[in-house]
N, C-alpha and C. Protein backbone atom coordinates (compact mmCIF):
# COMPACT_ATOMS: atom_id res chain seq x y z
N UNK A 1 18.67 -8.21 40.25
CA UNK A 1 18.45 -6.94 40.89
C UNK A 1 17.41 -6.14 40.10
N UNK A 2 16.45 -5.55 40.80
CA UNK A 2 15.38 -4.79 40.16
C UNK A 2 15.92 -3.48 39.59
N UNK A 3 15.33 -3.05 38.49
CA UNK A 3 15.70 -1.77 37.88
C UNK A 3 15.28 -0.63 38.80
N UNK A 4 16.12 0.39 38.85
CA UNK A 4 15.80 1.58 39.62
C UNK A 4 14.76 2.39 38.86
N UNK A 5 13.71 2.80 39.55
CA UNK A 5 12.68 3.64 38.94
C UNK A 5 13.05 5.10 39.19
N UNK A 6 13.13 5.91 38.12
CA UNK A 6 13.47 7.32 38.32
C UNK A 6 12.40 8.04 39.14
N UNK A 7 12.84 8.89 40.03
CA UNK A 7 11.90 9.69 40.83
C UNK A 7 11.20 10.70 39.92
N UNK A 8 9.91 10.88 40.15
CA UNK A 8 9.13 11.86 39.40
C UNK A 8 8.31 12.71 40.37
N UNK A 9 7.96 13.89 39.90
CA UNK A 9 7.08 14.75 40.68
C UNK A 9 5.64 14.27 40.60
N UNK A 10 5.27 13.82 39.40
CA UNK A 10 3.90 13.36 39.16
C UNK A 10 3.95 12.12 38.27
N UNK A 11 3.13 11.13 38.62
CA UNK A 11 2.94 10.00 37.74
C UNK A 11 1.46 9.95 37.38
N UNK A 12 1.20 9.95 36.08
CA UNK A 12 -0.16 9.82 35.59
C UNK A 12 -0.37 8.39 35.13
N UNK A 13 -1.35 7.75 35.67
CA UNK A 13 -1.69 6.39 35.27
C UNK A 13 -2.89 6.49 34.33
N UNK A 14 -2.66 6.18 33.08
CA UNK A 14 -3.68 6.33 32.05
C UNK A 14 -4.33 4.98 31.77
N UNK A 15 -5.60 4.87 32.11
CA UNK A 15 -6.32 3.62 31.90
C UNK A 15 -7.51 3.81 30.97
N UNK A 16 -7.56 4.93 30.26
CA UNK A 16 -8.68 5.23 29.38
C UNK A 16 -8.45 4.64 27.99
N UNK A 17 -9.53 4.20 27.38
CA UNK A 17 -9.45 3.76 25.99
C UNK A 17 -9.21 4.98 25.12
N UNK A 18 -8.28 4.90 24.17
CA UNK A 18 -7.93 6.06 23.36
C UNK A 18 -9.09 6.65 22.57
N UNK A 19 -10.06 5.84 22.20
CA UNK A 19 -11.14 6.27 21.32
C UNK A 19 -12.42 6.66 22.05
N UNK A 20 -12.43 6.53 23.37
CA UNK A 20 -13.67 6.71 24.13
C UNK A 20 -14.09 8.17 24.26
N UNK A 21 -13.14 9.04 24.60
CA UNK A 21 -13.43 10.45 24.80
C UNK A 21 -12.13 11.24 24.70
N UNK A 22 -12.09 12.43 25.25
CA UNK A 22 -10.90 13.27 25.14
C UNK A 22 -9.91 13.10 26.29
N UNK A 23 -10.01 12.02 27.02
CA UNK A 23 -9.13 11.81 28.17
C UNK A 23 -7.66 11.78 27.76
N UNK A 24 -7.34 11.11 26.68
CA UNK A 24 -5.94 11.02 26.24
C UNK A 24 -5.40 12.40 25.89
N UNK A 25 -6.18 13.20 25.19
CA UNK A 25 -5.76 14.56 24.87
C UNK A 25 -5.53 15.36 26.14
N UNK A 26 -6.43 15.21 27.09
CA UNK A 26 -6.30 15.90 28.38
C UNK A 26 -5.00 15.48 29.08
N UNK A 27 -4.70 14.21 29.09
CA UNK A 27 -3.48 13.72 29.74
C UNK A 27 -2.24 14.26 29.02
N UNK A 28 -2.24 14.23 27.69
CA UNK A 28 -1.09 14.74 26.95
C UNK A 28 -0.87 16.23 27.22
N UNK A 29 -1.94 16.99 27.28
CA UNK A 29 -1.82 18.42 27.58
C UNK A 29 -1.32 18.64 29.01
N UNK A 30 -1.78 17.82 29.93
CA UNK A 30 -1.32 17.92 31.32
C UNK A 30 0.16 17.58 31.41
N UNK A 31 0.59 16.54 30.71
CA UNK A 31 2.00 16.15 30.68
C UNK A 31 2.85 17.31 30.17
N UNK A 32 2.45 17.92 29.07
CA UNK A 32 3.21 19.03 28.50
C UNK A 32 3.26 20.20 29.48
N UNK A 33 2.14 20.53 30.10
CA UNK A 33 2.12 21.65 31.05
C UNK A 33 3.06 21.39 32.23
N UNK A 34 3.05 20.17 32.74
CA UNK A 34 3.94 19.82 33.85
C UNK A 34 5.40 19.91 33.42
N UNK A 35 5.72 19.38 32.26
CA UNK A 35 7.10 19.41 31.76
C UNK A 35 7.57 20.84 31.52
N UNK A 36 6.70 21.66 30.96
CA UNK A 36 7.05 23.06 30.70
C UNK A 36 7.30 23.83 32.01
N UNK A 37 6.75 23.33 33.10
CA UNK A 37 6.96 23.95 34.41
C UNK A 37 8.09 23.28 35.19
N UNK A 38 8.91 22.51 34.47
CA UNK A 38 10.10 21.94 35.08
C UNK A 38 9.88 20.70 35.93
N UNK A 39 8.75 20.07 35.82
CA UNK A 39 8.46 18.86 36.61
C UNK A 39 8.95 17.62 35.88
N UNK A 40 9.27 16.60 36.67
CA UNK A 40 9.57 15.28 36.11
C UNK A 40 8.28 14.48 36.15
N UNK A 41 7.97 13.84 35.02
CA UNK A 41 6.68 13.19 34.86
C UNK A 41 6.86 11.75 34.41
N UNK A 42 6.08 10.87 35.00
CA UNK A 42 5.99 9.50 34.55
C UNK A 42 4.58 9.23 34.09
N UNK A 43 4.44 8.45 33.03
CA UNK A 43 3.13 8.02 32.56
C UNK A 43 3.14 6.51 32.53
N UNK A 44 2.16 5.91 33.18
CA UNK A 44 1.99 4.46 33.15
C UNK A 44 0.70 4.19 32.38
N UNK A 45 0.81 3.53 31.23
CA UNK A 45 -0.35 3.21 30.41
C UNK A 45 -0.81 1.78 30.70
N UNK A 46 -2.10 1.64 30.94
CA UNK A 46 -2.71 0.34 31.19
C UNK A 46 -3.90 0.16 30.25
N UNK A 47 -4.36 -1.06 30.11
CA UNK A 47 -5.51 -1.32 29.26
C UNK A 47 -5.24 -0.93 27.83
N UNK A 48 -6.27 -0.43 27.16
CA UNK A 48 -6.11 -0.04 25.76
C UNK A 48 -5.23 1.19 25.58
N UNK A 49 -4.91 1.90 26.66
CA UNK A 49 -3.98 3.03 26.56
C UNK A 49 -2.60 2.57 26.14
N UNK A 50 -2.30 1.29 26.31
CA UNK A 50 -1.00 0.77 25.87
C UNK A 50 -0.86 0.82 24.35
N UNK A 51 -1.98 0.88 23.64
CA UNK A 51 -1.91 0.93 22.17
C UNK A 51 -1.46 2.29 21.65
N UNK A 52 -1.45 3.30 22.51
CA UNK A 52 -1.04 4.65 22.09
C UNK A 52 0.40 4.70 21.59
N UNK A 53 1.24 3.83 22.11
CA UNK A 53 2.66 3.86 21.75
C UNK A 53 3.08 2.60 21.01
N UNK A 54 2.14 1.95 20.38
CA UNK A 54 2.45 0.76 19.60
C UNK A 54 3.40 1.10 18.46
N UNK A 55 4.42 0.28 18.31
CA UNK A 55 5.37 0.48 17.21
C UNK A 55 4.73 0.31 15.85
N UNK A 56 3.57 -0.29 15.79
CA UNK A 56 2.89 -0.51 14.52
C UNK A 56 1.99 0.63 14.07
N UNK A 57 1.88 1.70 14.86
CA UNK A 57 0.98 2.79 14.49
C UNK A 57 1.46 3.60 13.31
N UNK A 58 2.74 3.72 13.15
CA UNK A 58 3.27 4.57 12.09
C UNK A 58 3.35 6.01 12.53
N UNK A 59 3.84 6.86 11.65
CA UNK A 59 4.08 8.26 12.01
C UNK A 59 2.83 9.13 11.96
N UNK A 60 1.86 8.75 11.12
CA UNK A 60 0.69 9.60 10.91
C UNK A 60 -0.61 8.83 11.11
N UNK A 61 -1.65 9.58 11.43
CA UNK A 61 -3.00 9.01 11.48
C UNK A 61 -3.48 8.82 10.03
N UNK A 62 -4.51 8.01 9.83
CA UNK A 62 -5.07 7.91 8.48
C UNK A 62 -5.56 9.29 8.01
N UNK A 63 -5.54 9.51 6.73
CA UNK A 63 -5.95 10.80 6.16
C UNK A 63 -7.40 11.12 6.51
N UNK A 64 -7.65 12.41 6.73
CA UNK A 64 -8.98 12.92 7.01
C UNK A 64 -9.60 13.39 5.70
N UNK A 65 -10.74 12.84 5.34
CA UNK A 65 -11.38 13.20 4.07
C UNK A 65 -11.70 14.69 3.99
N UNK A 66 -11.96 15.33 5.12
CA UNK A 66 -12.29 16.75 5.14
C UNK A 66 -11.05 17.63 5.00
N UNK A 67 -9.89 17.05 5.24
CA UNK A 67 -8.64 17.81 5.15
C UNK A 67 -7.55 16.89 4.59
N UNK A 68 -7.75 16.49 3.36
CA UNK A 68 -6.96 15.43 2.73
C UNK A 68 -5.45 15.68 2.76
N UNK A 69 -5.02 16.91 2.60
CA UNK A 69 -3.60 17.22 2.50
C UNK A 69 -2.93 17.49 3.85
N UNK A 70 -3.68 17.42 4.92
CA UNK A 70 -3.11 17.68 6.24
C UNK A 70 -2.61 16.38 6.86
N UNK A 71 -1.39 16.44 7.36
CA UNK A 71 -0.80 15.28 8.02
C UNK A 71 -0.98 15.42 9.53
N UNK A 72 -1.66 14.47 10.13
CA UNK A 72 -1.86 14.48 11.57
C UNK A 72 -0.99 13.41 12.20
N UNK A 73 -0.15 13.77 13.17
CA UNK A 73 0.74 12.76 13.77
C UNK A 73 -0.04 11.74 14.59
N UNK A 74 0.45 10.53 14.59
CA UNK A 74 -0.14 9.49 15.44
C UNK A 74 0.24 9.77 16.90
N UNK A 75 -0.46 9.14 17.82
CA UNK A 75 -0.10 9.31 19.23
C UNK A 75 1.31 8.79 19.48
N UNK A 76 1.72 7.77 18.76
CA UNK A 76 3.08 7.25 18.93
C UNK A 76 4.10 8.33 18.56
N UNK A 77 3.84 9.08 17.50
CA UNK A 77 4.73 10.16 17.10
C UNK A 77 4.73 11.28 18.14
N UNK A 78 3.56 11.63 18.64
CA UNK A 78 3.46 12.69 19.66
C UNK A 78 4.26 12.30 20.90
N UNK A 79 4.08 11.08 21.37
CA UNK A 79 4.81 10.62 22.56
C UNK A 79 6.31 10.55 22.28
N UNK A 80 6.70 10.04 21.11
CA UNK A 80 8.13 9.97 20.76
C UNK A 80 8.75 11.36 20.75
N UNK A 81 8.04 12.32 20.20
CA UNK A 81 8.55 13.70 20.17
C UNK A 81 8.70 14.26 21.59
N UNK A 82 7.73 13.99 22.44
CA UNK A 82 7.82 14.45 23.84
C UNK A 82 8.98 13.78 24.57
N UNK A 83 9.15 12.48 24.36
CA UNK A 83 10.26 11.78 25.01
C UNK A 83 11.61 12.34 24.58
N UNK A 84 11.71 12.71 23.31
CA UNK A 84 12.96 13.29 22.81
C UNK A 84 13.17 14.71 23.35
N UNK A 85 12.11 15.50 23.33
CA UNK A 85 12.22 16.90 23.76
C UNK A 85 12.47 17.03 25.26
N UNK A 86 11.95 16.08 26.03
CA UNK A 86 12.06 16.15 27.49
C UNK A 86 12.83 14.95 28.05
N UNK A 87 13.88 14.58 27.34
CA UNK A 87 14.72 13.46 27.77
C UNK A 87 15.22 13.70 29.20
N UNK A 88 14.99 12.74 30.06
CA UNK A 88 15.41 12.87 31.45
C UNK A 88 14.35 13.48 32.36
N UNK A 89 13.26 13.98 31.76
CA UNK A 89 12.17 14.53 32.56
C UNK A 89 10.85 13.80 32.33
N UNK A 90 10.76 13.06 31.23
CA UNK A 90 9.55 12.31 30.92
C UNK A 90 9.89 10.83 30.78
N UNK A 91 9.10 10.01 31.44
CA UNK A 91 9.25 8.55 31.38
C UNK A 91 7.89 7.97 31.04
N UNK A 92 7.85 7.09 30.05
CA UNK A 92 6.58 6.50 29.63
C UNK A 92 6.71 4.98 29.77
N UNK A 93 5.76 4.40 30.48
CA UNK A 93 5.76 2.96 30.73
C UNK A 93 4.46 2.35 30.21
N UNK A 94 4.54 1.14 29.73
CA UNK A 94 3.37 0.41 29.27
C UNK A 94 3.28 -0.89 30.04
N UNK A 95 2.12 -1.17 30.58
CA UNK A 95 1.90 -2.42 31.29
C UNK A 95 2.10 -3.58 30.31
N UNK A 96 3.01 -4.46 30.64
CA UNK A 96 3.32 -5.57 29.75
C UNK A 96 2.13 -6.51 29.57
N UNK A 97 1.42 -6.79 30.65
CA UNK A 97 0.26 -7.68 30.57
C UNK A 97 -0.80 -7.09 29.64
N UNK A 98 -1.11 -5.81 29.83
CA UNK A 98 -2.13 -5.16 28.99
C UNK A 98 -1.67 -5.07 27.54
N UNK A 99 -0.39 -4.78 27.33
CA UNK A 99 0.15 -4.72 25.96
C UNK A 99 0.00 -6.07 25.28
N UNK A 100 0.42 -7.11 25.95
CA UNK A 100 0.32 -8.46 25.37
C UNK A 100 -1.12 -8.83 25.10
N UNK A 101 -2.01 -8.50 26.03
CA UNK A 101 -3.42 -8.85 25.92
C UNK A 101 -4.09 -8.14 24.74
N UNK A 102 -3.54 -6.98 24.36
CA UNK A 102 -4.14 -6.20 23.29
C UNK A 102 -3.34 -6.27 21.99
N UNK A 103 -2.38 -7.17 21.93
CA UNK A 103 -1.64 -7.42 20.69
C UNK A 103 -0.56 -6.42 20.36
N UNK A 104 -0.10 -5.65 21.35
CA UNK A 104 0.99 -4.72 21.10
C UNK A 104 2.30 -5.48 21.30
N UNK A 105 2.91 -5.87 20.19
CA UNK A 105 4.12 -6.69 20.26
C UNK A 105 5.35 -5.88 20.64
N UNK A 106 5.37 -4.60 20.20
CA UNK A 106 6.49 -3.74 20.56
C UNK A 106 5.99 -2.30 20.64
N UNK A 107 6.68 -1.54 21.46
CA UNK A 107 6.38 -0.12 21.62
C UNK A 107 7.46 0.70 20.94
N UNK A 108 7.17 1.97 20.73
CA UNK A 108 8.17 2.87 20.16
C UNK A 108 9.37 2.96 21.09
N UNK A 109 10.49 3.39 20.54
CA UNK A 109 11.69 3.57 21.35
C UNK A 109 11.41 4.56 22.48
N UNK A 110 11.93 4.25 23.64
CA UNK A 110 11.76 5.12 24.79
C UNK A 110 10.65 4.70 25.72
N UNK A 111 9.73 3.88 25.24
CA UNK A 111 8.65 3.38 26.09
C UNK A 111 9.10 2.06 26.69
N UNK A 112 9.00 1.97 28.00
CA UNK A 112 9.47 0.79 28.72
C UNK A 112 8.27 -0.07 29.11
N UNK A 113 8.33 -1.32 28.74
CA UNK A 113 7.28 -2.27 29.11
C UNK A 113 7.61 -2.84 30.49
N UNK A 114 6.65 -2.78 31.39
CA UNK A 114 6.86 -3.26 32.75
C UNK A 114 5.75 -4.20 33.18
N UNK A 115 6.12 -5.17 33.99
CA UNK A 115 5.14 -6.09 34.56
C UNK A 115 4.22 -5.33 35.51
N UNK A 116 2.94 -5.67 35.55
CA UNK A 116 2.01 -4.96 36.43
C UNK A 116 2.42 -4.99 37.90
N UNK A 117 3.16 -6.00 38.29
CA UNK A 117 3.60 -6.09 39.69
C UNK A 117 4.60 -4.98 40.04
N UNK A 118 5.16 -4.30 39.04
CA UNK A 118 6.11 -3.21 39.26
C UNK A 118 5.43 -1.85 39.43
N UNK A 119 4.13 -1.81 39.22
CA UNK A 119 3.40 -0.55 39.33
C UNK A 119 3.64 0.12 40.68
N UNK A 120 3.64 -0.64 41.72
CA UNK A 120 3.82 -0.08 43.07
C UNK A 120 5.17 0.62 43.21
N UNK A 121 6.21 0.13 42.53
CA UNK A 121 7.51 0.78 42.56
C UNK A 121 7.45 2.18 41.93
N UNK A 122 6.66 2.31 40.90
CA UNK A 122 6.51 3.59 40.21
C UNK A 122 5.71 4.57 41.07
N UNK A 123 4.71 4.07 41.74
CA UNK A 123 3.94 4.91 42.66
C UNK A 123 4.85 5.40 43.78
N UNK A 124 5.65 4.51 44.32
CA UNK A 124 6.56 4.86 45.42
C UNK A 124 7.61 5.88 45.00
N UNK A 125 7.99 5.86 43.72
CA UNK A 125 9.03 6.78 43.23
C UNK A 125 8.47 8.14 42.84
N UNK A 126 7.17 8.31 42.96
CA UNK A 126 6.53 9.55 42.55
C UNK A 126 6.00 10.31 43.76
N UNK A 127 6.16 11.64 43.72
CA UNK A 127 5.63 12.48 44.80
C UNK A 127 4.10 12.48 44.79
N UNK A 128 3.52 12.44 43.59
CA UNK A 128 2.06 12.41 43.44
C UNK A 128 1.70 11.43 42.34
N UNK A 129 0.58 10.76 42.52
CA UNK A 129 0.12 9.79 41.52
C UNK A 129 -1.35 10.04 41.24
N UNK A 130 -1.67 10.20 39.97
CA UNK A 130 -3.06 10.40 39.55
C UNK A 130 -3.47 9.27 38.62
N UNK A 131 -4.65 8.73 38.85
CA UNK A 131 -5.18 7.71 37.95
C UNK A 131 -6.25 8.38 37.12
N UNK A 132 -6.09 8.30 35.81
CA UNK A 132 -6.98 8.99 34.89
C UNK A 132 -7.65 7.98 33.98
N UNK A 133 -8.98 8.04 33.91
CA UNK A 133 -9.73 7.14 33.05
C UNK A 133 -10.55 6.17 33.84
N UNK A 134 -11.34 5.40 33.14
CA UNK A 134 -12.19 4.42 33.79
C UNK A 134 -11.61 3.04 33.72
N UNK A 135 -11.97 2.24 34.65
CA UNK A 135 -11.49 0.86 34.66
C UNK A 135 -12.43 -0.05 33.93
């Protein structure tokens, strides 16, 4: 029996490479704004966006030489914090094919790896679906 996909108000499909531009930051800010307004949000990460929640990222980004003593959280930490703060309102999914293809062996807790064939189920469970990034 297939897993039930939670209904969401908005599903953001993130297909942007994390290092290409500010798309990931834009998506994270959009997710927070939607959650703060009481919406249920799903995020489906495809392509290199699956690396954002890699269990191997650690808690912090590498140190910045210009601000050596400042600790900057990794995207995995940011997403983990959002998943904890908005439990039951935020769902984060990673395409299993894209994760495997990019060497992401495991994701942080709370991120669900799904086969690409299940994407349509997530679209159907969402009132609105936005695809963000380039293919």
